Amino acid sequence: MKVCIPTETNQGIAADVYGHFGSAPYFMIYDTESCTTEIVVNTNQHHSHGMCQPMTVLMDKKIDAVVCAGMGGRAVQRLNEGGVKAYRAIQGTVQSVVDQFLKGGLEEITVANACIQHDCH
């Protein structure tokens, strides 16, 4: 399974999780089967509210899940339509988030409990 986690830096598993999915500077993709990582630069980081298109950067990565502090309902809907689930991250590093994800300890983000504005986290 490939899990995408937005980060502020490209420090690998030591990077802190970024506050919001679409505007993150980087995406860390963690493969739970091979325990490998890949860093992707978010070239769509700067966008107008409601206009983020992070999946254009990630579409060839074949991710299965996104773990982040928050995202809007439209983003959740688009991910779900593509077969990708979203989960709410705990505060901390990519490593701590991956550990919690693997234990099944993260809440799934749905359209109903998604962010309305950027002040939800």
Protein backbone atom coordinates (compact mmCIF):
# COMPACT_ATOMS: atom_id res chain seq x y z
CA MET A 1 0.00 0.00 0.00
CA LYS A 2 1.26 3.48 -0.84
CA VAL A 3 0.46 6.22 1.66
CA CYS A 4 0.92 9.90 0.79
CA ILE A 5 1.73 12.31 3.62
CA PRO A 6 2.11 16.06 2.99
CA THR A 7 5.22 17.59 4.56
CA GLU A 8 6.80 21.00 4.99
CA THR A 9 10.34 19.80 4.26
CA ASN A 10 11.98 17.04 2.25
CA GLN A 11 13.59 15.42 5.31
CA GLY A 12 12.11 11.99 4.68
CA ILE A 13 10.51 10.17 7.60
CA ALA A 14 11.87 12.82 10.00
CA ALA A 15 9.84 15.58 8.28
CA ASP A 16 6.92 17.15 10.12
CA VAL A 17 3.46 16.59 8.68
CA TYR A 18 2.12 19.71 6.95
CA GLY A 19 -1.17 21.26 8.06
CA HIS A 20 -3.16 20.89 4.84
CA PHE A 21 -3.02 18.50 1.90
CA GLY A 22 -3.26 20.72 -1.19
CA SER A 23 -0.86 23.46 -0.13
CA ALA A 24 1.95 21.27 1.21
CA PRO A 25 5.40 21.95 -0.26
CA TYR A 26 6.19 18.22 -0.47
CA PHE A 27 4.48 14.85 -0.47
CA MET A 28 6.16 11.86 1.15
CA ILE A 29 5.00 8.58 -0.33
CA TYR A 30 5.57 5.65 1.99
CA ASP A 31 5.24 2.12 0.63
CA THR A 32 4.09 -0.09 3.51
CA GLU A 33 5.13 -3.31 1.74
CA SER A 34 8.72 -2.37 0.89
CA CYS A 35 9.18 0.24 3.67
CA THR A 36 10.57 2.64 1.07
CA THR A 37 9.91 6.34 0.65
CA GLU A 38 9.73 8.80 -2.22
CA ILE A 39 9.56 12.58 -2.00
CA VAL A 40 7.48 14.49 -4.52
CA VAL A 41 7.63 18.28 -4.87
CA ASN A 42 4.15 19.81 -4.95
CA THR A 43 4.32 22.02 -8.02
CA ASN A 44 0.66 22.96 -7.39
CA GLN A 45 1.38 24.27 -3.88
CA HIS A 46 0.40 27.89 -4.62
CA HIS A 47 -3.21 28.10 -5.73
CA SER A 48 -6.41 30.00 -5.07
CA HIS A 49 -8.68 28.59 -2.36
CA GLY A 50 -10.73 25.74 -3.78
CA MET A 51 -8.48 25.41 -6.82
CA CYS A 52 -5.89 22.95 -5.56
CA GLN A 53 -5.08 20.04 -7.79
CA PRO A 54 -2.53 17.97 -5.83
CA MET A 55 -3.51 14.79 -7.63
CA THR A 56 -2.06 16.16 -10.87
CA VAL A 57 1.32 15.89 -9.17
CA LEU A 58 0.54 12.47 -7.66
CA MET A 59 -1.47 10.74 -10.39
CA ASP A 60 1.33 8.50 -11.66
CA LYS A 61 2.29 7.44 -8.10
CA LYS A 62 -0.69 5.09 -7.64
CA ILE A 63 -1.32 6.02 -4.01
CA ASP A 64 -3.89 4.17 -1.91
CA ALA A 65 -4.29 6.59 0.99
CA VAL A 66 -3.56 10.16 2.06
CA VAL A 67 -2.80 11.00 5.67
CA CYS A 68 -2.90 14.71 6.56
CA ALA A 69 -4.01 17.12 9.25
CA GLY A 70 -6.91 18.31 7.14
CA MET A 71 -8.46 18.71 3.73
CA GLY A 72 -11.65 20.05 2.27
CA GLY A 73 -14.71 18.03 1.36
CA ARG A 74 -14.17 18.43 -2.37
CA ALA A 75 -10.65 16.99 -2.08
CA VAL A 76 -11.96 14.05 -0.04
CA GLN A 77 -14.65 13.42 -2.63
CA ARG A 78 -12.14 13.50 -5.51
CA LEU A 79 -9.79 11.14 -3.70
CA ASN A 80 -12.60 8.72 -2.86
CA GLU A 81 -13.80 8.73 -6.46
CA GLY A 82 -10.29 7.64 -7.46
CA GLY A 83 -10.28 4.82 -4.88
CA VAL A 84 -8.06 6.71 -2.41
CA LYS A 85 -9.02 7.02 1.26
CA ALA A 86 -8.06 9.97 3.44
CA TYR A 87 -7.07 9.81 7.12
CA ARG A 88 -6.56 12.52 9.74
CA ALA A 89 -2.95 12.72 10.88
CA ILE A 90 -1.75 13.10 14.39
CA GLN A 91 0.70 15.94 14.96
CA GLY A 92 4.29 14.91 14.49
CA THR A 93 6.70 13.43 12.02
CA VAL A 94 6.07 11.21 9.03
CA GLN A 95 7.47 8.28 11.05
CA SER A 96 4.98 8.79 13.90
CA VAL A 97 2.10 9.12 11.43
CA VAL A 98 3.14 5.96 9.57
CA ASP A 99 3.37 4.09 12.87
CA GLN A 100 -0.16 5.16 13.83
CA PHE A 101 -1.50 4.42 10.35
CA LEU A 102 -0.09 0.88 10.41
CA LYS A 103 -1.72 0.29 13.82
CA GLY A 104 -5.09 1.41 12.42
CA GLY A 105 -5.16 4.33 14.85
CA LEU A 106 -6.11 7.18 12.50
CA GLU A 107 -9.60 8.54 11.87
CA GLU A 108 -10.83 8.39 8.28
CA ILE A 109 -11.65 11.79 6.79
CA THR A 110 -15.03 11.79 5.04
CA VAL A 111 -16.95 14.48 3.20
CA ALA A 112 -19.05 14.90 6.37
CA ASN A 113 -16.09 15.55 8.71
CA ALA A 114 -13.79 17.38 6.27
CA CYS A 115 -12.56 20.96 6.72
CA ILE A 116 -14.85 23.79 5.74
CA GLN A 117 -12.03 26.36 5.79
CA HIS A 118 -8.32 26.25 6.58
CA ASP A 119 -9.02 26.83 10.27
CA CYS A 120 -9.99 23.25 11.11
CA HIS A 121 -6.50 22.19 12.21
